C-alpha atoms as a PDB file:
ATOM      1  CA  MET A   1       0.391  -0.048  -0.031  1.00  0.00           C
ATOM      2  CA  LYS A   2       1.288   3.417  -1.001  1.00  0.00           C
ATOM      3  CA  LEU A   3       1.975   5.734   2.018  1.00  0.00           C
ATOM      4  CA  PRO A   4       0.168   9.008   2.191  1.00  0.00           C
ATOM      5  CA  ILE A   5       2.971  11.780   1.426  1.00  0.00           C
ATOM      6  CA  ILE A   6       2.641  14.814   4.089  1.00  0.00           C
ATOM      7  CA  GLY A   7       4.190  18.071   3.300  1.00  0.00           C
ATOM      8  CA  ILE A   8       5.806  20.213   6.551  1.00  0.00           C
ATOM      9  CA  SER A   9       6.330  23.902   6.535  1.00  0.00           C
ATOM     10  CA  GLN A  10       9.568  24.784   8.834  1.00  0.00           C
ATOM     11  CA  GLY A  11       7.484  27.614  10.120  1.00  0.00           C
ATOM     12  CA  ASP A  12       9.361  30.563  12.225  1.00  0.00           C
ATOM     13  CA  PRO A  13      13.362  29.726  12.507  1.00  0.00           C
ATOM     14  CA  ASN A  14      13.799  31.690  15.648  1.00  0.00           C
ATOM     15  CA  GLY A  15      10.574  29.950  17.412  1.00  0.00           C
ATOM     16  CA  ILE A  16       9.945  26.310  18.310  1.00  0.00           C
ATOM     17  CA  GLY A  17       9.151  24.760  14.848  1.00  0.00           C
ATOM     18  CA  PHE A  18      12.526  23.526  14.180  1.00  0.00           C
ATOM     19  CA  GLU A  19      12.918  21.793  17.938  1.00  0.00           C
ATOM     20  CA  VAL A  20       9.069  19.724  17.566  1.00  0.00           C
ATOM     21  CA  ILE A  21       9.940  18.618  14.353  1.00  0.00           C
ATOM     22  CA  LEU A  22      13.654  17.075  15.286  1.00  0.00           C
ATOM     23  CA  LYS A  23      11.956  15.472  17.900  1.00  0.00           C
ATOM     24  CA  THR A  24       9.152  14.232  16.023  1.00  0.00           C
ATOM     25  CA  LEU A  25      11.008  13.095  13.143  1.00  0.00           C
ATOM     26  CA  GLN A  26      14.178  11.402  14.740  1.00  0.00           C
ATOM     27  CA  HIS A  27      12.164   8.202  15.272  1.00  0.00           C
ATOM     28  CA  SER A  28      12.259   5.589  13.119  1.00  0.00           C
ATOM     29  CA  PHE A  29       8.913   4.028  13.576  1.00  0.00           C
ATOM     30  CA  ILE A  30       7.431   7.603  11.808  1.00  0.00           C
ATOM     31  CA  TYR A  31       8.206   6.422   8.790  1.00  0.00           C
ATOM     32  CA  GLU A  32       6.506   3.347   8.607  1.00  0.00           C
ATOM     33  CA  HIS A  33       2.901   4.951   8.452  1.00  0.00           C
ATOM     34  CA  PHE A  34       3.571   7.990   6.008  1.00  0.00           C
ATOM     35  CA  THR A  35       6.432   9.936   3.996  1.00  0.00           C
ATOM     36  CA  PRO A  36       7.326  13.288   5.051  1.00  0.00           C
ATOM     37  CA  VAL A  37       8.979  15.906   2.847  1.00  0.00           C
ATOM     38  CA  LEU A  38       9.996  18.827   4.761  1.00  0.00           C
ATOM     39  CA  TYR A  39       9.995  22.432   3.083  1.00  0.00           C
ATOM     40  CA  ALA A  40      12.803  24.047   4.788  1.00  0.00           C
ATOM     41  CA  ASN A  41      15.911  26.150   4.995  1.00  0.00           C
ATOM     42  CA  PRO A  42      18.806  23.498   5.107  1.00  0.00           C
ATOM     43  CA  LYS A  43      21.252  25.541   7.004  1.00  0.00           C
ATOM     44  CA  SER A  44      18.480  26.031   9.659  1.00  0.00           C
ATOM     45  CA  PHE A  45      18.363  22.626  10.043  1.00  0.00           C
ATOM     46  CA  SER A  46      21.631  21.706  10.332  1.00  0.00           C
ATOM     47  CA  PHE A  47      22.032  24.785  12.784  1.00  0.00           C
ATOM     48  CA  TYR A  48      18.987  23.228  15.201  1.00  0.00           C
ATOM     49  CA  LYS A  49      20.373  19.668  14.574  1.00  0.00           C
ATOM     50  CA  LYS A  50      23.817  20.486  16.024  1.00  0.00           C
ATOM     51  CA  LEU A  51      22.248  22.701  18.875  1.00  0.00           C
ATOM     52  CA  LEU A  52      19.963  20.173  20.485  1.00  0.00           C
ATOM     53  CA  ASN A  53      22.721  17.420  19.862  1.00  0.00           C
ATOM     54  CA  MET A  54      20.518  14.929  18.021  1.00  0.00           C
ATOM     55  CA  GLU A  55      22.217  12.420  15.486  1.00  0.00           C
ATOM     56  CA  GLN A  56      18.535  11.921  14.025  1.00  0.00           C
ATOM     57  CA  PRO A  57      16.946  12.977  11.495  1.00  0.00           C
ATOM     58  CA  SER A  58      18.938  12.805   8.817  1.00  0.00           C
ATOM     59  CA  TYR A  59      17.729  13.737   5.106  1.00  0.00           C
ATOM     60  CA  VAL A  60      18.008  13.322   1.281  1.00  0.00           C
ATOM     61  CA  LEU A  61      17.582  16.720  -0.148  1.00  0.00           C
ATOM     62  CA  ILE A  62      15.069  16.393  -3.486  1.00  0.00           C
ATOM     63  CA  ARG A  63      14.410  19.057  -5.688  1.00  0.00           C
ATOM     64  CA  ASP A  64      11.397  17.770  -6.850  1.00  0.00           C
ATOM     65  CA  ILE A  65       8.431  16.207  -4.894  1.00  0.00           C
ATOM     66  CA  LYS A  66       8.287  13.456  -7.488  1.00  0.00           C
ATOM     67  CA  GLU A  67      11.435  11.961  -6.340  1.00  0.00           C
ATOM     68  CA  ALA A  68      10.201  11.571  -2.553  1.00  0.00           C
ATOM     69  CA  LYS A  69      11.251   8.311  -1.377  1.00  0.00           C
ATOM     70  CA  PRO A  70       9.732   6.775   1.322  1.00  0.00           C
ATOM     71  CA  ASN A  71      11.380   5.603   4.646  1.00  0.00           C
ATOM     72  CA  GLN A  72      13.235   8.584   4.812  1.00  0.00           C
ATOM     73  CA  LEU A  73      13.025  12.282   5.364  1.00  0.00           C
ATOM     74  CA  ASN A  74      12.818  14.147   2.268  1.00  0.00           C
ATOM     75  CA  LEU A  75      13.892  17.743   2.393  1.00  0.00           C
ATOM     76  CA  ILE A  76      12.937  20.415  -0.230  1.00  0.00           C
ATOM     77  CA  ALA A  77      15.199  23.550   0.223  1.00  0.00           C
ATOM     78  CA  SER A  78      12.158  26.611   0.369  1.00  0.00           C
ATOM     79  CA  SER A  79      15.077  28.544   0.636  1.00  0.00           C
ATOM     80  CA  GLN A  80      19.155  28.381   0.374  1.00  0.00           C
ATOM     81  CA  GLU A  81      20.129  31.846   1.518  1.00  0.00           C
ATOM     82  CA  ALA A  82      22.655  32.120   4.880  1.00  0.00           C
ATOM     83  CA  PHE A  83      20.016  33.090   7.232  1.00  0.00           C
ATOM     84  CA  GLU A  84      21.369  34.179  10.512  1.00  0.00           C
ATOM     85  CA  ILE A  85      18.907  32.610  13.170  1.00  0.00           C
ATOM     86  CA  SER A  86      18.220  35.228  16.477  1.00  0.00           C
ATOM     87  CA  LEU A  87      17.213  32.657  18.753  1.00  0.00           C
ATOM     88  CA  GLY A  88      13.654  34.018  20.275  1.00  0.00           C
ATOM     89  CA  LYS A  89      13.781  36.974  18.430  1.00  0.00           C
ATOM     90  CA  ALA A  90      10.877  38.326  16.321  1.00  0.00           C
ATOM     91  CA  ASP A  91      12.074  39.870  13.280  1.00  0.00           C
ATOM     92  CA  GLU A  92      11.002  39.884   9.385  1.00  0.00           C
ATOM     93  CA  GLY A  93      13.793  37.522   8.406  1.00  0.00           C
ATOM     94  CA  SER A  94      12.277  35.079  10.204  1.00  0.00           C
ATOM     95  CA  GLY A  95       8.805  35.605   8.795  1.00  0.00           C
ATOM     96  CA  LYS A  96      10.179  35.928   5.299  1.00  0.00           C
ATOM     97  CA  GLU A  97      11.655  32.571   5.700  1.00  0.00           C
ATOM     98  CA  ALA A  98       8.751  31.076   7.358  1.00  0.00           C
ATOM     99  CA  LEU A  99       6.147  32.046   4.652  1.00  0.00           C
ATOM    100  CA  MET A 100       9.043  31.056   1.900  1.00  0.00           C
ATOM    101  CA  ALA A 101       8.430  27.529   3.228  1.00  0.00           C
ATOM    102  CA  LEU A 102       4.557  27.602   3.535  1.00  0.00           C
ATOM    103  CA  ASP A 103       4.667  28.968  -0.280  1.00  0.00           C
ATOM    104  CA  ARG A 104       6.786  26.357  -1.731  1.00  0.00           C
ATOM    105  CA  MET A 105       5.333  23.627  -0.028  1.00  0.00           C
ATOM    106  CA  LEU A 106       1.780  25.226  -1.229  1.00  0.00           C
ATOM    107  CA  VAL A 107       3.068  24.981  -4.921  1.00  0.00           C
ATOM    108  CA  ASP A 108       3.088  21.186  -4.481  1.00  0.00           C
ATOM    109  CA  SER A 109       0.054  20.827  -2.718  1.00  0.00           C
ATOM    110  CA  LEU A 110      -2.039  22.914  -5.149  1.00  0.00           C
ATOM    111  CA  ALA A 111      -0.815  20.561  -7.732  1.00  0.00           C
ATOM    112  CA  GLY A 112      -1.757  17.725  -5.921  1.00  0.00           C
ATOM    113  CA  ASN A 113       0.989  16.374  -5.095  1.00  0.00           C
ATOM    114  CA  LEU A 114       0.981  16.099  -1.658  1.00  0.00           C
ATOM    115  CA  ASP A 115      -1.911  13.944   0.705  1.00  0.00           C
ATOM    116  CA  ALA A 116      -1.750  16.333   3.722  1.00  0.00           C
ATOM    117  CA  ILE A 117      -0.015  19.316   4.882  1.00  0.00           C
ATOM    118  CA  VAL A 118       1.077  20.078   8.293  1.00  0.00           C
ATOM    119  CA  THR A 119       2.349  23.730   9.119  1.00  0.00           C
ATOM    120  CA  ALA A 120       4.902  24.046  12.037  1.00  0.00           C
ATOM    121  CA  PRO A 121       3.874  27.720  13.840  1.00  0.00           C
ATOM    122  CA  LEU A 122       5.007  31.292  12.927  1.00  0.00           C
ATOM    123  CA  ASP A 123       4.617  34.688  14.099  1.00  0.00           C
ATOM    124  CA  LYS A 124       2.023  36.342  12.232  1.00  0.00           C
ATOM    125  CA  SER A 125       3.902  39.517  13.323  1.00  0.00           C
ATOM    126  CA  THR A 126       6.578  39.292  10.988  1.00  0.00           C
ATOM    127  CA  VAL A 127       5.083  38.097   7.974  1.00  0.00           C
ATOM    128  CA  LYS A 128       5.318  41.280   6.124  1.00  0.00           C
ATOM    129  CA  THR A 129       5.776  39.899   2.086  1.00  0.00           C
ATOM    130  CA  ALA A 130       2.274  38.946   2.222  1.00  0.00           C
ATOM    131  CA  GLU A 131      -0.486  41.596   1.965  1.00  0.00           C
ATOM    132  CA  GLY A 132      -3.061  41.254   4.814  1.00  0.00           C
ATOM    133  CA  PHE A 133      -1.644  37.995   6.412  1.00  0.00           C
ATOM    134  CA  THR A 134      -3.867  36.951   9.673  1.00  0.00           C
ATOM    135  CA  GLY A 135      -2.230  33.855   9.386  1.00  0.00           C
ATOM    136  CA  HIS A 136      -1.709  30.017   8.392  1.00  0.00           C
ATOM    137  CA  THR A 137      -5.846  29.545   7.761  1.00  0.00           C
ATOM    138  CA  GLY A 138      -6.487  32.541   6.156  1.00  0.00           C
ATOM    139  CA  HIS A 139      -3.362  32.043   3.715  1.00  0.00           C
ATOM    140  CA  ILE A 140      -3.961  28.585   2.582  1.00  0.00           C
ATOM    141  CA  THR A 141      -7.644  29.256   2.273  1.00  0.00           C
ATOM    142  CA  LYS A 142      -6.818  32.422   0.174  1.00  0.00           C
ATOM    143  CA  ALA A 143      -4.467  30.056  -2.111  1.00  0.00           C
ATOM    144  CA  TYR A 144      -7.130  27.416  -2.563  1.00  0.00           C
ATOM    145  CA  LYS A 145      -9.517  30.345  -4.163  1.00  0.00           C
ATOM    146  CA  LYS A 146     -12.044  29.030  -1.489  1.00  0.00           C
ATOM    147  CA  SER A 147     -14.219  31.908   0.473  1.00  0.00           C
ATOM    148  CA  GLU A 148     -14.519  30.245   3.762  1.00  0.00           C
ATOM    149  CA  SER A 149     -12.680  27.806   5.959  1.00  0.00           C
ATOM    150  CA  LEU A 150     -13.095  26.768   9.785  1.00  0.00           C
ATOM    151  CA  MET A 151     -10.493  26.759  12.306  1.00  0.00           C
ATOM    152  CA  LEU A 152     -11.531  23.426  14.144  1.00  0.00           C
ATOM    153  CA  LEU A 153      -9.262  22.707  17.166  1.00  0.00           C
ATOM    154  CA  PHE A 154      -9.622  18.866  19.028  1.00  0.00           C
ATOM    155  CA  ASN A 155      -8.260  16.803  20.647  1.00  0.00           C
ATOM    156  CA  ASP A 156      -9.455  13.257  22.386  1.00  0.00           C
ATOM    157  CA  ASP A 157     -12.002  15.350  24.383  1.00  0.00           C
ATOM    158  CA  ILE A 158     -13.489  18.036  22.841  1.00  0.00           C
ATOM    159  CA  ARG A 159     -13.737  19.586  19.071  1.00  0.00           C
ATOM    160  CA  VAL A 160     -14.080  23.689  19.031  1.00  0.00           C
ATOM    161  CA  GLY A 161     -14.847  25.634  16.007  1.00  0.00           C
ATOM    162  CA  LEU A 162     -14.765  29.474  15.232  1.00  0.00           C
ATOM    163  CA  ILE A 163     -17.042  31.441  13.386  1.00  0.00           C
ATOM    164  CA  THR A 164     -14.895  34.374  13.537  1.00  0.00           C
ATOM    165  CA  GLU A 165     -10.599  34.019  14.239  1.00  0.00           C
ATOM    166  CA  HIS A 166      -7.764  36.496  13.921  1.00  0.00           C
ATOM    167  CA  ILE A 167      -9.741  39.934  14.303  1.00  0.00           C
ATOM    168  CA  PRO A 168      -9.945  42.368  16.448  1.00  0.00           C
ATOM    169  CA  VAL A 169     -12.159  41.943  19.270  1.00  0.00           C
ATOM    170  CA  SER A 170     -13.791  45.776  18.579  1.00  0.00           C
ATOM    171  CA  LYS A 171     -15.025  44.196  14.698  1.00  0.00           C
ATOM    172  CA  ILE A 172     -16.344  40.869  16.355  1.00  0.00           C
ATOM    173  CA  ALA A 173     -20.141  41.955  16.535  1.00  0.00           C
ATOM    174  CA  GLN A 174     -20.257  43.563  13.154  1.00  0.00           C
ATOM    175  CA  THR A 175     -18.251  40.783  11.268  1.00  0.00           C
ATOM    176  CA  ILE A 176     -21.001  38.104  12.896  1.00  0.00           C
ATOM    177  CA  THR A 177     -24.059  37.683  10.309  1.00  0.00           C
ATOM    178  CA  THR A 178     -26.299  34.928   9.709  1.00  0.00           C
ATOM    179  CA  GLU A 179     -25.300  34.326   6.691  1.00  0.00           C
ATOM    180  CA  LEU A 180     -21.573  33.461   7.998  1.00  0.00           C
ATOM    181  CA  ILE A 181     -22.749  31.436  10.798  1.00  0.00           C
ATOM    182  CA  LEU A 182     -24.706  29.088   8.403  1.00  0.00           C
ATOM    183  CA  LYS A 183     -21.843  28.772   6.235  1.00  0.00           C
ATOM    184  CA  LYS A 184     -19.465  28.303   9.111  1.00  0.00           C
ATOM    185  CA  VAL A 185     -21.603  25.314  10.205  1.00  0.00           C
ATOM    186  CA  LYS A 186     -22.187  24.065   6.803  1.00  0.00           C
ATOM    187  CA  ILE A 187     -18.542  23.217   6.745  1.00  0.00           C
ATOM    188  CA  ALA A 188     -18.565  21.980   9.954  1.00  0.00           C
ATOM    189  CA  HIS A 189     -21.369  19.271   9.154  1.00  0.00           C
ATOM    190  CA  GLU A 190     -19.882  18.247   6.211  1.00  0.00           C
ATOM    191  CA  SER A 191     -16.190  18.078   7.797  1.00  0.00           C
ATOM    192  CA  LEU A 192     -17.497  16.068  11.016  1.00  0.00           C
ATOM    193  CA  LYS A 193     -19.283  13.367   8.228  1.00  0.00           C
ATOM    194  CA  THR A 194     -16.140  13.389   5.797  1.00  0.00           C
ATOM    195  CA  ASP A 195     -13.214  13.860   7.814  1.00  0.00           C
ATOM    196  CA  PHE A 196     -14.219  12.459  11.469  1.00  0.00           C
ATOM    197  CA  GLY A 197     -17.015   9.603  10.092  1.00  0.00           C
ATOM    198  CA  ILE A 198     -19.382  10.951  12.032  1.00  0.00           C
ATOM    199  CA  ASN A 199     -22.466   9.979  10.659  1.00  0.00           C
ATOM    200  CA  LYS A 200     -25.165  12.563  12.429  1.00  0.00           C
ATOM    201  CA  PRO A 201     -22.829  15.013  14.081  1.00  0.00           C
ATOM    202  CA  LYS A 202     -24.402  17.401  16.937  1.00  0.00           C
ATOM    203  CA  ILE A 203     -23.257  20.765  16.977  1.00  0.00           C
ATOM    204  CA  ALA A 204     -23.594  23.584  19.775  1.00  0.00           C
ATOM    205  CA  LEU A 205     -23.325  27.336  19.205  1.00  0.00           C
ATOM    206  CA  LEU A 206     -22.285  29.208  21.789  1.00  0.00           C
ATOM    207  CA  GLY A 207     -23.871  33.248  22.046  1.00  0.00           C
ATOM    208  CA  LEU A 208     -22.213  36.316  21.974  1.00  0.00           C
ATOM    209  CA  ASN A 209     -23.034  38.032  24.670  1.00  0.00           C
ATOM    210  CA  PRO A 210     -23.126  37.200  28.282  1.00  0.00           C
ATOM    211  CA  HIS A 211     -25.356  35.213  29.577  1.00  0.00           C
ATOM    212  CA  ASN A 212     -26.656  35.143  25.874  1.00  0.00           C
ATOM    213  CA  GLY A 213     -27.699  38.903  26.213  1.00  0.00           C
ATOM    214  CA  ASP A 214     -30.352  38.442  29.387  1.00  0.00           C
ATOM    215  CA  ASN A 215     -33.218  38.890  27.000  1.00  0.00           C
ATOM    216  CA  GLY A 216     -31.820  41.686  25.184  1.00  0.00           C
ATOM    217  CA  LYS A 217     -30.803  43.692  27.804  1.00  0.00           C
ATOM    218  CA  MET A 218     -26.761  42.777  26.876  1.00  0.00           C
ATOM    219  CA  GLY A 219     -27.023  42.510  23.729  1.00  0.00           C
ATOM    220  CA  GLN A 220     -29.423  41.143  20.910  1.00  0.00           C
ATOM    221  CA  GLU A 221     -27.291  39.592  18.258  1.00  0.00           C
ATOM    222  CA  GLU A 222     -28.907  36.123  19.831  1.00  0.00           C
ATOM    223  CA  GLN A 223     -32.136  36.680  19.011  1.00  0.00           C
ATOM    224  CA  THR A 224     -31.588  38.377  15.650  1.00  0.00           C
ATOM    225  CA  ILE A 225     -28.600  36.787  14.386  1.00  0.00           C
ATOM    226  CA  ILE A 226     -27.255  33.366  16.065  1.00  0.00           C
ATOM    227  CA  GLU A 227     -30.826  32.100  16.780  1.00  0.00           C
ATOM    228  CA  PRO A 228     -32.468  32.540  13.086  1.00  0.00           C
ATOM    229  CA  ALA A 229     -29.110  30.414  11.440  1.00  0.00           C
ATOM    230  CA  ILE A 230     -29.479  27.954  13.823  1.00  0.00           C
ATOM    231  CA  LYS A 231     -32.914  27.819  13.094  1.00  0.00           C
ATOM    232  CA  GLN A 232     -32.075  27.578   9.194  1.00  0.00           C
ATOM    233  CA  ALA A 233     -29.202  25.018   9.691  1.00  0.00           C
ATOM    234  CA  LYS A 234     -31.795  22.927  10.991  1.00  0.00           C
ATOM    235  CA  GLU A 235     -33.923  23.191   8.537  1.00  0.00           C
ATOM    236  CA  GLU A 236     -31.441  21.951   5.916  1.00  0.00           C
ATOM    237  CA  GLY A 237     -31.071  18.946   8.273  1.00  0.00           C
ATOM    238  CA  ILE A 238     -28.348  19.837  10.456  1.00  0.00           C
ATOM    239  CA  PHE A 239     -28.228  19.034  13.983  1.00  0.00           C
ATOM    240  CA  CYS A 240     -27.891  22.349  15.467  1.00  0.00           C
ATOM    241  CA  MET A 241     -28.444  23.514  19.257  1.00  0.00           C
ATOM    242  CA  GLY A 242     -27.998  26.653  21.208  1.00  0.00           C
ATOM    243  CA  PRO A 243     -26.967  29.651  21.564  1.00  0.00           C
ATOM    244  CA  TYR A 244     -25.449  28.794  24.781  1.00  0.00           C
ATOM    245  CA  SER A 245     -23.853  30.631  27.502  1.00  0.00           C
ATOM    246  CA  ALA A 246     -20.250  30.078  27.231  1.00  0.00           C
ATOM    247  CA  ASP A 247     -19.177  30.389  30.561  1.00  0.00           C
ATOM    248  CA  GLY A 248     -22.227  27.816  31.921  1.00  0.00           C
ATOM    249  CA  PHE A 249     -21.506  25.711  28.820  1.00  0.00           C
ATOM    250  CA  PHE A 250     -18.148  24.850  29.690  1.00  0.00           C
ATOM    251  CA  GLY A 251     -18.576  25.073  33.361  1.00  0.00           C
ATOM    252  CA  MET A 252     -21.574  22.297  33.397  1.00  0.00           C
ATOM    253  CA  LYS A 253     -19.028  20.218  30.354  1.00  0.00           C
ATOM    254  CA  LEU A 254     -21.799  20.193  28.154  1.00  0.00           C
ATOM    255  CA  TYR A 255     -19.643  20.207  25.398  1.00  0.00           C
ATOM    256  CA  SER A 256     -19.216  16.600  26.076  1.00  0.00           C
ATOM    257  CA  LYS A 257     -22.683  15.969  24.956  1.00  0.00           C
ATOM    258  CA  PHE A 258     -21.817  17.263  21.186  1.00  0.00           C
ATOM    259  CA  ASP A 259     -19.467  16.450  18.430  1.00  0.00           C
ATOM    260  CA  LEU A 260     -18.575  20.335  18.146  1.00  0.00           C
ATOM    261  CA  VAL A 261     -18.726  23.401  19.906  1.00  0.00           C
ATOM    262  CA  MET A 262     -18.610  26.606  17.833  1.00  0.00           C
ATOM    263  CA  ALA A 263     -17.817  29.627  19.148  1.00  0.00           C
ATOM    264  CA  MET A 264     -18.343  33.298  18.193  1.00  0.00           C
ATOM    265  CA  TYR A 265     -14.937  34.675  18.609  1.00  0.00           C
ATOM    266  CA  HIS A 266     -10.954  33.331  18.957  1.00  0.00           C
ATOM    267  CA  ASP A 267     -10.626  33.681  22.997  1.00  0.00           C
ATOM    268  CA  GLN A 268     -14.413  32.703  23.662  1.00  0.00           C
ATOM    269  CA  GLY A 269     -13.358  29.325  22.138  1.00  0.00           C
ATOM    270  CA  LEU A 270      -9.524  28.500  22.499  1.00  0.00           C
ATOM    271  CA  ILE A 271      -9.127  29.713  26.096  1.00  0.00           C
ATOM    272  CA  PRO A 272     -11.091  26.465  27.147  1.00  0.00           C
ATOM    273  CA  PHE A 273      -9.588  24.445  24.518  1.00  0.00           C
ATOM    274  CA  LYS A 274      -6.136  25.055  25.562  1.00  0.00           C
ATOM    275  CA  SER A 275      -7.153  25.225  29.108  1.00  0.00           C
ATOM    276  CA  MET A 276      -7.532  21.356  28.287  1.00  0.00           C
ATOM    277  CA  ALA A 277      -6.015  20.687  25.415  1.00  0.00           C
ATOM    278  CA  PHE A 278      -2.332  22.476  24.791  1.00  0.00           C
ATOM    279  CA  GLU A 279      -0.278  20.074  25.216  1.00  0.00           C
ATOM    280  CA  ASP A 280      -1.860  17.701  22.960  1.00  0.00           C
ATOM    281  CA  GLY A 281      -4.395  19.251  20.457  1.00  0.00           C
ATOM    282  CA  VAL A 282      -4.462  19.540  16.992  1.00  0.00           C
ATOM    283  CA  ASN A 283      -5.782  22.908  14.850  1.00  0.00           C
ATOM    284  CA  TYR A 284      -7.560  21.301  11.879  1.00  0.00           C
ATOM    285  CA  THR A 285      -8.454  23.673   8.708  1.00  0.00           C
ATOM    286  CA  ALA A 286     -11.918  22.004   7.415  1.00  0.00           C
ATOM    287  CA  GLY A 287     -13.313  23.237   4.012  1.00  0.00           C
ATOM    288  CA  LEU A 288     -10.440  22.741   1.803  1.00  0.00           C
ATOM    289  CA  PRO A 289      -9.858  20.099  -0.622  1.00  0.00           C
ATOM    290  CA  ILE A 290      -6.006  19.278   1.105  1.00  0.00           C
ATOM    291  CA  ILE A 291      -5.918  17.927   4.839  1.00  0.00           C
ATOM    292  CA  ARG A 292      -3.885  20.679   6.717  1.00  0.00           C
ATOM    293  CA  THR A 293      -3.182  20.211  10.989  1.00  0.00           C
ATOM    294  CA  SER A 294      -0.553  22.330  12.743  1.00  0.00           C
ATOM    295  CA  PRO A 295      -0.194  21.729  16.459  1.00  0.00           C
ATOM    296  CA  ASP A 296      -1.913  24.273  18.828  1.00  0.00           C
ATOM    297  CA  HIS A 297       0.687  26.163  20.209  1.00  0.00           C
ATOM    298  CA  GLY A 298       2.473  28.840  18.709  1.00  0.00           C
ATOM    299  CA  THR A 299       6.207  29.785  17.963  1.00  0.00           C
ATOM    300  CA  ALA A 300       7.261  30.069  21.865  1.00  0.00           C
ATOM    301  CA  TYR A 301      10.347  32.187  21.760  1.00  0.00           C
ATOM    302  CA  ASP A 302      10.808  31.742  25.428  1.00  0.00           C
ATOM    303  CA  LEU A 303      11.585  28.127  24.939  1.00  0.00           C
ATOM    304  CA  VAL A 304      13.550  28.259  22.090  1.00  0.00           C
ATOM    305  CA  GLY A 305      17.145  26.919  22.563  1.00  0.00           C
ATOM    306  CA  LYS A 306      16.500  25.075  25.813  1.00  0.00           C
ATOM    307  CA  ASN A 307      15.715  21.834  24.350  1.00  0.00           C
ATOM    308  CA  ILE A 308      12.628  21.692  26.621  1.00  0.00           C
ATOM    309  CA  ALA A 309       9.833  22.478  24.255  1.00  0.00           C
ATOM    310  CA  SER A 310       7.504  19.700  24.023  1.00  0.00           C
ATOM    311  CA  ASN A 311       6.600  17.796  20.315  1.00  0.00           C
ATOM    312  CA  LEU A 312       3.161  15.756  21.425  1.00  0.00           C
ATOM    313  CA  SER A 313       1.544  18.761  19.951  1.00  0.00           C
ATOM    314  CA  PHE A 314       3.310  18.412  16.720  1.00  0.00           C
ATOM    315  CA  THR A 315       3.494  14.965  16.603  1.00  0.00           C
ATOM    316  CA  ASN A 316      -0.215  14.592  17.087  1.00  0.00           C
ATOM    317  CA  ALA A 317      -0.686  17.343  14.266  1.00  0.00           C
ATOM    318  CA  LEU A 318       1.388  14.802  12.102  1.00  0.00           C
ATOM    319  CA  PHE A 319      -0.393  11.285  12.735  1.00  0.00           C
ATOM    320  CA  GLU A 320      -4.227  13.337  12.790  1.00  0.00           C
ATOM    321  CA  ALA A 321      -3.305  14.259   9.243  1.00  0.00           C
ATOM    322  CA  VAL A 322      -2.904  11.040   8.416  1.00  0.00           C
ATOM    323  CA  HIS A 323      -5.935   9.518  10.166  1.00  0.00           C
ATOM    324  CA  LEU A 324      -8.211  12.663   8.468  1.00  0.00           C
ATOM    325  CA  TYR A 325      -6.626  11.786   5.092  1.00  0.00           C
ATOM    326  CA  TYR A 326      -7.848   8.106   5.078  1.00  0.00           C
ATOM    327  CA  SER A 327     -11.142   8.710   6.822  1.00  0.00           C
ATOM    328  CA  ARG A 328     -11.589  11.109   3.954  1.00  0.00           C
ATOM    329  CA  ASN A 329     -10.583   8.667   1.271  1.00  0.00           C
ATOM    330  CA  GLU A 330     -12.815   6.204   2.834  1.00  0.00           C
ATOM    331  CA  SER A 331     -15.941   8.745   2.846  1.00  0.00           C
ATOM    332  CA  ASP A 332     -14.930   9.579  -0.567  1.00  0.00           C
ATOM    333  CA  GLU A 333     -15.162   5.889  -1.657  1.00  0.00           C
ATOM    334  CA  LEU A 334     -18.289   5.096  -0.111  1.00  0.00           C
ATOM    335  CA  ALA A 335     -20.070   8.009  -1.737  1.00  0.00           C
ATOM    336  CA  LYS A 336     -18.693   6.510  -5.046  1.00  0.00           C
ATOM    337  CA  ASN A 337     -19.735   2.737  -4.548  1.00  0.00           C
ATOM    338  CA  PRO A 338     -22.837   2.998  -2.363  1.00  0.00           C
ATOM    339  CA  LEU A 339     -24.172  -0.389  -1.616  1.00  0.00           C
ATOM    340  CA  LYS A 340     -27.145  -1.410  -4.024  1.00  0.00           C
ATOM    341  CA  TYR A 341     -30.634  -0.997  -2.386  1.00  0.00           C
ATOM    342  CA  SER A 342     -32.675  -4.597  -2.534  1.00  0.00           C
ATOM    343  CA  GLU A 343     -35.931  -4.878  -1.473  1.00  0.00           C
ATOM    344  CA  PHE A 344     -36.339  -6.750   1.749  1.00  0.00           C
ATOM    345  CA  LYS A 345     -38.387  -9.648   1.138  1.00  0.00           C
ATOM    346  CA  ARG A 346     -39.939 -11.241   4.579  1.00  0.00           C
ATOM    347  CA  GLU A 347     -39.216 -15.038   4.453  1.00  0.00           C
ATOM    348  CA  ARG A 348     -42.168 -17.148   6.353  1.00  0.00           C
ATOM    349  CA  PHE A 349     -41.332 -20.005   8.688  1.00  0.00           C
ATOM    350  CA  ARG A 350     -43.508 -22.443  10.194  1.00  0.00           C
ATOM    351  CA  LEU A 351     -43.348 -25.706  12.051  1.00  0.00           C
ATOM    352  CA  GLU A 352     -44.750 -28.777  10.210  1.00  0.00           C
ATOM    353  CA  LYS A 353     -46.626 -31.166  12.292  1.00  0.00           C
ATOM    354  CA  GLY A 354     -44.074 -34.595  12.898  1.00  0.00           C
END
């Protein structure tokens, strides 16, 4: 069986990206499950390998994705420039390196040569060479010419999706519309079925205001925007409940009764999620033709060079990318080859007298 080819972007070379990548890919059993292709600056790779005093992983430098071989780490040079690494420092040079690696990987991804992609963390504030850059999710969604995607974070205990992502708090209320919520819910519903193998997904929507607006005293978005979206989703056959007051919802652990919780804005969903899943959580971009995952943490500049960064979230991101790839393929196969319907004939049985 052909192993899936997983593209990996290096992330910010001044952050912990290389450390978590190296710590994960040093283990030989990794290569039994997929063929990794790392898009990175080879000089930065060698720098961190020496800094961390690691013998493995070694890599084979390839020029074309078609040269990628199983049972080894393949590396495509996203940059050959001599980049001077400044441990734990945010600068435009590191942002440029991170973006070059991401964009080089997207070339192969858009051409259909990768089965999934995994992105190591970067610092959005340092990426100046892409206009309007707000993070991996938006950049990859734009590259695939999609109007919407869904940031979905998960571990074994909880899944959280975001209606709005990286926007200022002052713009949240004016951005949220019934149409936007419905689009995100539809993406979530389809992804839960196709990518996570859940036949009848149960989705919960949180409210925007404290105590769900307290019957309009603290805001009317629940009544005028969110409830109509829920009603329309139900009419389209989607199991969607809410809106729920966020504090009580998480306080009473109601998330355990749903397959996905949809938060209205970034911190509303990610503060509780990271409180529960900071070490092992995975960030997934639903609604794209390609499987894309990443660890749920950032560049962690304060940990760089100390050899103490945990690679658990990155390792999970890699293996979940593989799992999601197989799950989506299985779903596609079932859709192409459904079981033929046959009329059920009731057989009659009787006891004969002896």
